[in-house]
PDB file of N, CA and C in Angstrom:
ATOM      1  N   MET A   1     -23.157  61.276  20.397  1.00  0.00           N
ATOM      2  CA  MET A   1     -22.379  60.235  21.024  1.00  0.00           C
ATOM      3  C   MET A   1     -22.628  58.862  20.404  1.00  0.00           C
ATOM      4  N   PRO A   2     -23.859  58.477  20.008  1.00  0.00           N
ATOM      5  CA  PRO A   2     -24.063  57.164  19.389  1.00  0.00           C
ATOM      6  C   PRO A   2     -23.282  57.011  18.093  1.00  0.00           C
ATOM      7  N   VAL A   3     -23.103  58.083  17.350  1.00  0.00           N
ATOM      8  CA  VAL A   3     -22.343  57.989  16.103  1.00  0.00           C
ATOM      9  C   VAL A   3     -20.888  57.664  16.417  1.00  0.00           C
ATOM     10  N   LEU A   4     -20.363  58.280  17.460  1.00  0.00           N
ATOM     11  CA  LEU A   4     -18.992  58.034  17.867  1.00  0.00           C
ATOM     12  C   LEU A   4     -18.814  56.590  18.332  1.00  0.00           C
ATOM     13  N   GLN A   5     -19.802  56.059  19.084  1.00  0.00           N
ATOM     14  CA  GLN A   5     -19.739  54.668  19.531  1.00  0.00           C
ATOM     15  C   GLN A   5     -19.774  53.720  18.343  1.00  0.00           C
ATOM     16  N   THR A   6     -20.603  54.008  17.386  1.00  0.00           N
ATOM     17  CA  THR A   6     -20.720  53.160  16.197  1.00  0.00           C
ATOM     18  C   THR A   6     -19.412  53.153  15.421  1.00  0.00           C
ATOM     19  N   SER A   7     -18.788  54.304  15.304  1.00  0.00           N
ATOM     20  CA  SER A   7     -17.529  54.351  14.562  1.00  0.00           C
ATOM     21  C   SER A   7     -16.427  53.604  15.313  1.00  0.00           C
ATOM     22  N   PHE A   8     -16.433  53.670  16.668  1.00  0.00           N
ATOM     23  CA  PHE A   8     -15.454  52.903  17.434  1.00  0.00           C
ATOM     24  C   PHE A   8     -15.702  51.402  17.294  1.00  0.00           C
ATOM     25  N   ILE A   9     -16.975  51.011  17.300  1.00  0.00           N
ATOM     26  CA  ILE A   9     -17.304  49.591  17.129  1.00  0.00           C
ATOM     27  C   ILE A   9     -16.848  49.111  15.753  1.00  0.00           C
ATOM     28  N   GLY A  10     -17.093  49.921  14.727  1.00  0.00           N
ATOM     29  CA  GLY A  10     -16.653  49.577  13.377  1.00  0.00           C
ATOM     30  C   GLY A  10     -15.138  49.505  13.288  1.00  0.00           C
ATOM     31  N   LEU A  11     -14.464  50.456  13.950  1.00  0.00           N
ATOM     32  CA  LEU A  11     -13.007  50.480  13.948  1.00  0.00           C
ATOM     33  C   LEU A  11     -12.440  49.249  14.653  1.00  0.00           C
ATOM     34  N   TYR A  12     -13.017  48.916  15.811  1.00  0.00           N
ATOM     35  CA  TYR A  12     -12.566  47.724  16.533  1.00  0.00           C
ATOM     36  C   TYR A  12     -12.867  46.443  15.748  1.00  0.00           C
ATOM     37  N   SER A  13     -13.983  46.435  15.047  1.00  0.00           N
ATOM     38  CA  SER A  13     -14.313  45.259  14.228  1.00  0.00           C
ATOM     39  C   SER A  13     -13.290  45.077  13.113  1.00  0.00           C
ATOM     40  N   ILE A  14     -12.947  46.170  12.452  1.00  0.00           N
ATOM     41  CA  ILE A  14     -11.955  46.102  11.374  1.00  0.00           C
ATOM     42  C   ILE A  14     -10.590  45.711  11.936  1.00  0.00           C
ATOM     43  N   LEU A  15     -10.224  46.306  13.085  1.00  0.00           N
ATOM     44  CA  LEU A  15      -8.954  45.975  13.724  1.00  0.00           C
ATOM     45  C   LEU A  15      -8.919  44.498  14.136  1.00  0.00           C
ATOM     46  N   GLY A  16     -10.009  43.995  14.680  1.00  0.00           N
ATOM     47  CA  GLY A  16     -10.102  42.581  15.050  1.00  0.00           C
ATOM     48  C   GLY A  16      -9.989  41.679  13.837  1.00  0.00           C
ATOM     49  N   LEU A  17     -10.624  42.086  12.747  1.00  0.00           N
ATOM     50  CA  LEU A  17     -10.549  41.314  11.508  1.00  0.00           C
ATOM     51  C   LEU A  17      -9.119  41.288  10.973  1.00  0.00           C
ATOM     52  N   ILE A  18      -8.433  42.417  11.020  1.00  0.00           N
ATOM     53  CA  ILE A  18      -7.038  42.477  10.563  1.00  0.00           C
ATOM     54  C   ILE A  18      -6.158  41.572  11.428  1.00  0.00           C
ATOM     55  N   ILE A  19      -6.357  41.621  12.746  1.00  0.00           N
ATOM     56  CA  ILE A  19      -5.574  40.772  13.651  1.00  0.00           C
ATOM     57  C   ILE A  19      -5.861  39.296  13.382  1.00  0.00           C
ATOM     58  N   ALA A  20      -7.135  38.953  13.198  1.00  0.00           N
ATOM     59  CA  ALA A  20      -7.508  37.559  12.933  1.00  0.00           C
ATOM     60  C   ALA A  20      -6.890  37.069  11.624  1.00  0.00           C
ATOM     61  N   LEU A  21      -6.930  37.906  10.593  1.00  0.00           N
ATOM     62  CA  LEU A  21      -6.342  37.515   9.310  1.00  0.00           C
ATOM     63  C   LEU A  21      -4.820  37.392   9.411  1.00  0.00           C
ATOM     64  N   THR A  22      -4.200  38.264  10.199  1.00  0.00           N
ATOM     65  CA  THR A  22      -2.753  38.178  10.395  1.00  0.00           C
ATOM     66  C   THR A  22      -2.375  36.882  11.114  1.00  0.00           C
ATOM     67  N   VAL A  23      -3.121  36.551  12.162  1.00  0.00           N
ATOM     68  CA  VAL A  23      -2.865  35.305  12.893  1.00  0.00           C
ATOM     69  C   VAL A  23      -3.067  34.103  11.975  1.00  0.00           C
ATOM     70  N   LEU A  24      -4.123  34.131  11.179  1.00  0.00           N
ATOM     71  CA  LEU A  24      -4.380  33.039  10.239  1.00  0.00           C
ATOM     72  C   LEU A  24      -3.253  32.929   9.220  1.00  0.00           C
ATOM     73  N   ASN A  25      -2.784  34.058   8.720  1.00  0.00           N
ATOM     74  CA  ASN A  25      -1.700  34.065   7.745  1.00  0.00           C
ATOM     75  C   ASN A  25      -0.419  33.487   8.351  1.00  0.00           C
ATOM     76  N   VAL A  26      -0.099  33.870   9.581  1.00  0.00           N
ATOM     77  CA  VAL A  26       1.086  33.341  10.258  1.00  0.00           C
ATOM     78  C   VAL A  26       0.936  31.837  10.474  1.00  0.00           C
ATOM     79  N   TYR A  27      -0.247  31.400  10.889  1.00  0.00           N
ATOM     80  CA  TYR A  27      -0.495  29.970  11.099  1.00  0.00           C
ATOM     81  C   TYR A  27      -0.309  29.192   9.794  1.00  0.00           C
ATOM     82  N   LEU A  28      -0.868  29.705   8.712  1.00  0.00           N
ATOM     83  CA  LEU A  28      -0.736  29.025   7.422  1.00  0.00           C
ATOM     84  C   LEU A  28       0.716  29.001   6.956  1.00  0.00           C
ATOM     85  N   PHE A  29       1.440  30.083   7.194  1.00  0.00           N
ATOM     86  CA  PHE A  29       2.849  30.145   6.816  1.00  0.00           C
ATOM     87  C   PHE A  29       3.655  29.096   7.578  1.00  0.00           C
ATOM     88  N   ILE A  30       3.427  29.008   8.884  1.00  0.00           N
ATOM     89  CA  ILE A  30       4.152  28.037   9.712  1.00  0.00           C
ATOM     90  C   ILE A  30       3.788  26.607   9.320  1.00  0.00           C
ATOM     91  N   SER A  31       2.502  26.354   9.083  1.00  0.00           N
ATOM     92  CA  SER A  31       2.100  24.992   8.710  1.00  0.00           C
ATOM     93  C   SER A  31       2.653  24.614   7.336  1.00  0.00           C
ATOM     94  N   GLN A  32       2.766  25.597   6.431  1.00  0.00           N
ATOM     95  CA  GLN A  32       3.353  25.316   5.126  1.00  0.00           C
ATOM     96  C   GLN A  32       4.838  24.985   5.272  1.00  0.00           C
ATOM     97  N   LYS A  33       5.530  25.697   6.142  1.00  0.00           N
ATOM     98  CA  LYS A  33       6.951  25.407   6.373  1.00  0.00           C
ATOM     99  C   LYS A  33       7.123  24.011   6.963  1.00  0.00           C
ATOM    100  N   ARG A  34       6.230  23.637   7.879  1.00  0.00           N
ATOM    101  CA  ARG A  34       6.294  22.286   8.453  1.00  0.00           C
ATOM    102  C   ARG A  34       6.050  21.239   7.374  1.00  0.00           C
ATOM    103  N   THR A  35       5.055  21.501   6.531  1.00  0.00           N
ATOM    104  CA  THR A  35       4.740  20.567   5.450  1.00  0.00           C
ATOM    105  C   THR A  35       5.919  20.451   4.491  1.00  0.00           C
ATOM    106  N   ASP A  36       6.542  21.594   4.169  1.00  0.00           N
ATOM    107  CA  ASP A  36       7.709  21.563   3.288  1.00  0.00           C
ATOM    108  C   ASP A  36       8.851  20.771   3.914  1.00  0.00           C
ATOM    109  N   ALA A  37       9.046  20.957   5.217  1.00  0.00           N
ATOM    110  CA  ALA A  37      10.111  20.219   5.904  1.00  0.00           C
ATOM    111  C   ALA A  37       9.818  18.720   5.897  1.00  0.00           C
ATOM    112  N   LYS A  38       8.565  18.351   6.140  1.00  0.00           N
ATOM    113  CA  LYS A  38       8.193  16.933   6.105  1.00  0.00           C
ATOM    114  C   LYS A  38       8.376  16.372   4.701  1.00  0.00           C
ATOM    115  N   LEU A  39       8.006  17.167   3.708  1.00  0.00           N
ATOM    116  CA  LEU A  39       8.141  16.730   2.323  1.00  0.00           C
ATOM    117  C   LEU A  39       9.610  16.529   1.959  1.00  0.00           C
ATOM    118  N   GLN A  40      10.470  17.442   2.391  1.00  0.00           N
ATOM    119  CA  GLN A  40      11.900  17.305   2.120  1.00  0.00           C
ATOM    120  C   GLN A  40      12.475  16.070   2.815  1.00  0.00           C
ATOM    121  N   ALA A  41      12.035  15.841   4.050  1.00  0.00           N
ATOM    122  CA  ALA A  41      12.506  14.656   4.775  1.00  0.00           C
ATOM    123  C   ALA A  41      12.044  13.382   4.073  1.00  0.00           C
ATOM    124  N   HIS A  42      10.803  13.374   3.618  1.00  0.00           N
ATOM    125  CA  HIS A  42      10.275  12.204   2.910  1.00  0.00           C
ATOM    126  C   HIS A  42      11.017  12.004   1.590  1.00  0.00           C
ATOM    127  N   LYS A  43      11.304  13.091   0.903  1.00  0.00           N
ATOM    128  CA  LYS A  43      12.033  13.012  -0.362  1.00  0.00           C
ATOM    129  C   LYS A  43      13.429  12.433  -0.139  1.00  0.00           C
ATOM    130  N   ALA A  44      14.107  12.890   0.910  1.00  0.00           N
ATOM    131  CA  ALA A  44      15.436  12.358   1.225  1.00  0.00           C
ATOM    132  C   ALA A  44      15.360  10.873   1.561  1.00  0.00           C
ATOM    133  N   PHE A  45      14.323  10.477   2.296  1.00  0.00           N
ATOM    134  CA  PHE A  45      14.138   9.072   2.653  1.00  0.00           C
ATOM    135  C   PHE A  45      13.927   8.223   1.400  1.00  0.00           C
ATOM    136  N   VAL A  46      13.080   8.702   0.503  1.00  0.00           N
ATOM    137  CA  VAL A  46      12.793   7.959  -0.728  1.00  0.00           C
ATOM    138  C   VAL A  46      14.050   7.849  -1.591  1.00  0.00           C
ATOM    139  N   LEU A  47      14.814   8.939  -1.696  1.00  0.00           N
ATOM    140  CA  LEU A  47      16.048   8.888  -2.484  1.00  0.00           C
ATOM    141  C   LEU A  47      17.059   7.915  -1.878  1.00  0.00           C
ATOM    142  N   GLN A  48      17.132   7.876  -0.555  1.00  0.00           N
ATOM    143  CA  GLN A  48      18.032   6.936   0.113  1.00  0.00           C
ATOM    144  C   GLN A  48      17.613   5.500  -0.188  1.00  0.00           C
ATOM    145  N   LYS A  49      16.316   5.224  -0.096  1.00  0.00           N
ATOM    146  CA  LYS A  49      15.829   3.870  -0.381  1.00  0.00           C
ATOM    147  C   LYS A  49      16.049   3.511  -1.847  1.00  0.00           C
ATOM    148  N   LEU A  50      15.911   4.496  -2.727  1.00  0.00           N
ATOM    149  CA  LEU A  50      16.140   4.260  -4.148  1.00  0.00           C
ATOM    150  C   LEU A  50      17.603   3.892  -4.401  1.00  0.00           C
ATOM    151  N   GLU A  51      18.520   4.581  -3.733  1.00  0.00           N
ATOM    152  CA  GLU A  51      19.938   4.248  -3.863  1.00  0.00           C
ATOM    153  C   GLU A  51      20.214   2.837  -3.337  1.00  0.00           C
ATOM    154  N   GLU A  52      19.591   2.486  -2.218  1.00  0.00           N
ATOM    155  CA  GLU A  52      19.761   1.138  -1.677  1.00  0.00           C
ATOM    156  C   GLU A  52      19.239   0.090  -2.656  1.00  0.00           C
ATOM    157  N   LEU A  53      18.109   0.386  -3.289  1.00  0.00           N
ATOM    158  CA  LEU A  53      17.560  -0.552  -4.275  1.00  0.00           C
ATOM    159  C   LEU A  53      18.486  -0.695  -5.479  1.00  0.00           C
ATOM    160  N   GLU A  54      19.090   0.407  -5.913  1.00  0.00           N
ATOM    161  CA  GLU A  54      20.035   0.342  -7.028  1.00  0.00           C
ATOM    162  C   GLU A  54      21.230  -0.546  -6.670  1.00  0.00           C
ATOM    163  N   LYS A  55      21.740  -0.391  -5.439  1.00  0.00           N
ATOM    164  CA  LYS A  55      22.864  -1.226  -5.003  1.00  0.00           C
ATOM    165  C   LYS A  55      22.458  -2.695  -4.959  1.00  0.00           C
ATOM    166  N   LEU A  56      21.256  -2.961  -4.435  1.00  0.00           N
ATOM    167  CA  LEU A  56      20.778  -4.346  -4.386  1.00  0.00           C
ATOM    168  C   LEU A  56      20.588  -4.916  -5.784  1.00  0.00           C
ATOM    169  N   LYS A  57      20.119  -4.087  -6.703  1.00  0.00           N
ATOM    170  CA  LYS A  57      19.926  -4.532  -8.084  1.00  0.00           C
ATOM    171  C   LYS A  57      21.268  -4.908  -8.709  1.00  0.00           C
ATOM    172  N   GLU A  58      22.274  -4.051  -8.495  1.00  0.00           N
ATOM    173  CA  GLU A  58      23.598  -4.350  -9.035  1.00  0.00           C
ATOM    174  C   GLU A  58      24.159  -5.635  -8.424  1.00  0.00           C
ATOM    175  N   GLU A  59      23.980  -5.796  -7.116  1.00  0.00           N
ATOM    176  CA  GLU A  59      24.462  -7.003  -6.447  1.00  0.00           C
ATOM    177  C   GLU A  59      23.741  -8.242  -6.981  1.00  0.00           C
ATOM    178  N   LEU A  60      22.443  -8.113  -7.209  1.00  0.00           N
ATOM    179  CA  LEU A  60      21.669  -9.231  -7.741  1.00  0.00           C
ATOM    180  C   LEU A  60      22.118  -9.588  -9.153  1.00  0.00           C
ATOM    181  N   GLU A  61      22.413  -8.572  -9.967  1.00  0.00           N
ATOM    182  CA  GLU A  61      22.895  -8.840 -11.319  1.00  0.00           C
ATOM    183  C   GLU A  61      24.239  -9.571 -11.290  1.00  0.00           C
ATOM    184  N   VAL A  62      25.119  -9.147 -10.376  1.00  0.00           N
ATOM    185  CA  VAL A  62      26.424  -9.811 -10.255  1.00  0.00           C
ATOM    186  C   VAL A  62      26.234 -11.258  -9.818  1.00  0.00           C
ATOM    187  N   ARG A  63      25.367 -11.469  -8.839  1.00  0.00           N
ATOM    188  CA  ARG A  63      25.115 -12.843  -8.369  1.00  0.00           C
ATOM    189  C   ARG A  63      24.488 -13.695  -9.463  1.00  0.00           C
ATOM    190  N   HIS A  64      23.565 -13.105 -10.218  1.00  0.00           N
ATOM    191  CA  HIS A  64      22.904 -13.840 -11.297  1.00  0.00           C
ATOM    192  C   HIS A  64      23.929 -14.255 -12.357  1.00  0.00           C
ATOM    193  N   LYS A  65      24.805 -13.322 -12.692  1.00  0.00           N
ATOM    194  CA  LYS A  65      25.832 -13.628 -13.688  1.00  0.00           C
ATOM    195  C   LYS A  65      26.762 -14.728 -13.179  1.00  0.00           C
ATOM    196  N   ALA A  66      27.166 -14.619 -11.918  1.00  0.00           N
ATOM    197  CA  ALA A  66      28.043 -15.644 -11.335  1.00  0.00           C
ATOM    198  C   ALA A  66      27.332 -16.990 -11.279  1.00  0.00           C
ATOM    199  N   ASN A  67      26.046 -16.981 -10.959  1.00  0.00           N
ATOM    200  CA  ASN A  67      25.273 -18.217 -10.897  1.00  0.00           C
ATOM    201  C   ASN A  67      25.184 -18.861 -12.276  1.00  0.00           C
ATOM    202  N   ASN A  68      24.949 -18.052 -13.301  1.00  0.00           N
ATOM    203  CA  ASN A  68      24.873 -18.593 -14.665  1.00  0.00           C
ATOM    204  C   ASN A  68      26.217 -19.172 -15.105  1.00  0.00           C
ATOM    205  N   GLU A  69      27.315 -18.497 -14.752  1.00  0.00           N
ATOM    206  CA  GLU A  69      28.634 -19.015 -15.103  1.00  0.00           C
ATOM    207  C   GLU A  69      28.903 -20.332 -14.376  1.00  0.00           C
ATOM    208  N   TYR A  70      28.498 -20.389 -13.126  1.00  0.00           N
ATOM    209  CA  TYR A  70      28.690 -21.615 -12.345  1.00  0.00           C
ATOM    210  C   TYR A  70      27.884 -22.760 -12.947  1.00  0.00           C
ATOM    211  N   LYS A  71      26.631 -22.459 -13.341  1.00  0.00           N
ATOM    212  CA  LYS A  71      25.796 -23.495 -13.962  1.00  0.00           C
ATOM    213  C   LYS A  71      26.431 -23.999 -15.249  1.00  0.00           C
ATOM    214  N   SER A  72      26.936 -23.085 -16.059  1.00  0.00           N
ATOM    215  CA  SER A  72      27.526 -23.516 -17.331  1.00  0.00           C
ATOM    216  C   SER A  72      28.792 -24.334 -17.096  1.00  0.00           C
ATOM    217  N   GLU A  73      29.552 -24.010 -16.037  1.00  0.00           N
ATOM    218  CA  GLU A  73      30.742 -24.802 -15.719  1.00  0.00           C
ATOM    219  C   GLU A  73      30.367 -26.219 -15.302  1.00  0.00           C
ATOM    220  N   ILE A  74      29.258 -26.361 -14.604  1.00  0.00           N
ATOM    221  CA  ILE A  74      28.822 -27.683 -14.145  1.00  0.00           C
ATOM    222  C   ILE A  74      28.111 -28.434 -15.264  1.00  0.00           C
ATOM    223  N   GLU A  75      27.214 -27.748 -15.969  1.00  0.00           N
ATOM    224  CA  GLU A  75      26.390 -28.415 -16.979  1.00  0.00           C
ATOM    225  C   GLU A  75      27.199 -28.840 -18.196  1.00  0.00           C
ATOM    226  N   SER A  76      28.160 -28.062 -18.576  1.00  0.00           N
ATOM    227  CA  SER A  76      28.904 -28.360 -19.795  1.00  0.00           C
ATOM    228  C   SER A  76      29.586 -29.735 -19.749  1.00  0.00           C
ATOM    229  N   PRO A  77      30.345 -30.080 -18.732  1.00  0.00           N
ATOM    230  CA  PRO A  77      30.953 -31.430 -18.709  1.00  0.00           C
ATOM    231  C   PRO A  77      29.910 -32.536 -18.620  1.00  0.00           C
ATOM    232  N   ILE A  78      28.851 -32.290 -17.869  1.00  0.00           N
ATOM    233  CA  ILE A  78      27.807 -33.313 -17.745  1.00  0.00           C
ATOM    234  C   ILE A  78      27.131 -33.537 -19.091  1.00  0.00           C
ATOM    235  N   LEU A  79      26.787 -32.453 -19.767  1.00  0.00           N
ATOM    236  CA  LEU A  79      26.143 -32.592 -21.076  1.00  0.00           C
ATOM    237  C   LEU A  79      27.084 -33.230 -22.090  1.00  0.00           C
ATOM    238  N   ASN A  80      28.352 -32.879 -22.042  1.00  0.00           N
ATOM    239  CA  ASN A  80      29.315 -33.506 -22.962  1.00  0.00           C
ATOM    240  C   ASN A  80      29.400 -35.007 -22.727  1.00  0.00           C
ATOM    241  N   THR A  81      29.377 -35.402 -21.467  1.00  0.00           N
ATOM    242  CA  THR A  81      29.411 -36.830 -21.139  1.00  0.00           C
ATOM    243  C   THR A  81      28.153 -37.525 -21.640  1.00  0.00           C
ATOM    244  N   ILE A  82      27.012 -36.902 -21.432  1.00  0.00           N
ATOM    245  CA  ILE A  82      25.748 -37.489 -21.897  1.00  0.00           C
ATOM    246  C   ILE A  82      25.748 -37.613 -23.409  1.00  0.00           C
ATOM    247  N   TYR A  83      26.180 -36.574 -24.116  1.00  0.00           N
ATOM    248  CA  TYR A  83      26.194 -36.614 -25.575  1.00  0.00           C
ATOM    249  C   TYR A  83      27.183 -37.664 -26.096  1.00  0.00           C
ATOM    250  N   ARG A  84      28.237 -37.884 -25.374  1.00  0.00           N
ATOM    251  CA  ARG A  84      29.238 -38.844 -25.808  1.00  0.00           C
ATOM    252  C   ARG A  84      28.723 -40.274 -25.694  1.00  0.00           C
ATOM    253  N   PHE A  85      27.990 -40.558 -24.614  1.00  0.00           N
ATOM    254  CA  PHE A  85      27.550 -41.935 -24.377  1.00  0.00           C
ATOM    255  C   PHE A  85      26.157 -42.246 -24.907  1.00  0.00           C
ATOM    256  N   CYS A  86      25.382 -41.235 -25.202  1.00  0.00           N
ATOM    257  CA  CYS A  86      24.032 -41.483 -25.730  1.00  0.00           C
ATOM    258  C   CYS A  86      24.046 -41.291 -27.235  1.00  0.00           C
ATOM    259  N   PRO A  87      23.477 -42.230 -27.946  1.00  0.00           N
ATOM    260  CA  PRO A  87      23.450 -42.075 -29.406  1.00  0.00           C
ATOM    261  C   PRO A  87      22.497 -40.953 -29.818  1.00  0.00           C
ATOM    262  N   SER A  88      22.849 -40.329 -30.854  1.00  0.00           N
ATOM    263  CA  SER A  88      22.035 -39.231 -31.370  1.00  0.00           C
ATOM    264  C   SER A  88      20.953 -39.785 -32.282  1.00  0.00           C
ATOM    265  N   ASP A  89      19.807 -39.130 -32.312  1.00  0.00           N
ATOM    266  CA  ASP A  89      18.710 -39.562 -33.175  1.00  0.00           C
ATOM    267  C   ASP A  89      18.910 -39.113 -34.610  1.00  0.00           C
ATOM    268  N   ASN A  90      19.853 -38.281 -34.855  1.00  0.00           N
ATOM    269  CA  ASN A  90      20.049 -37.743 -36.206  1.00  0.00           C
ATOM    270  C   ASN A  90      20.615 -38.746 -37.129  1.00  0.00           C
TER     271      ASN A  90
END
């Protein structure tokens, strides 16, 4: 009878180990899926912000170009007037 008890204890130990490993495997699988979902959400967020930055960059370039054109429209007549009335050192 002790041999039979020992074999049942060994069998239950192995069965418990298999169940524990299965539960651990399921837990790791679920946590990996959650991590993947969080990663995908973060990736989508970063791509959205990147697109917004690209739009802002384009808008800034347009404003910069318009600002430079405006400056040249204002500066050109003023500089021409200054050059006309101030003698040149040459």
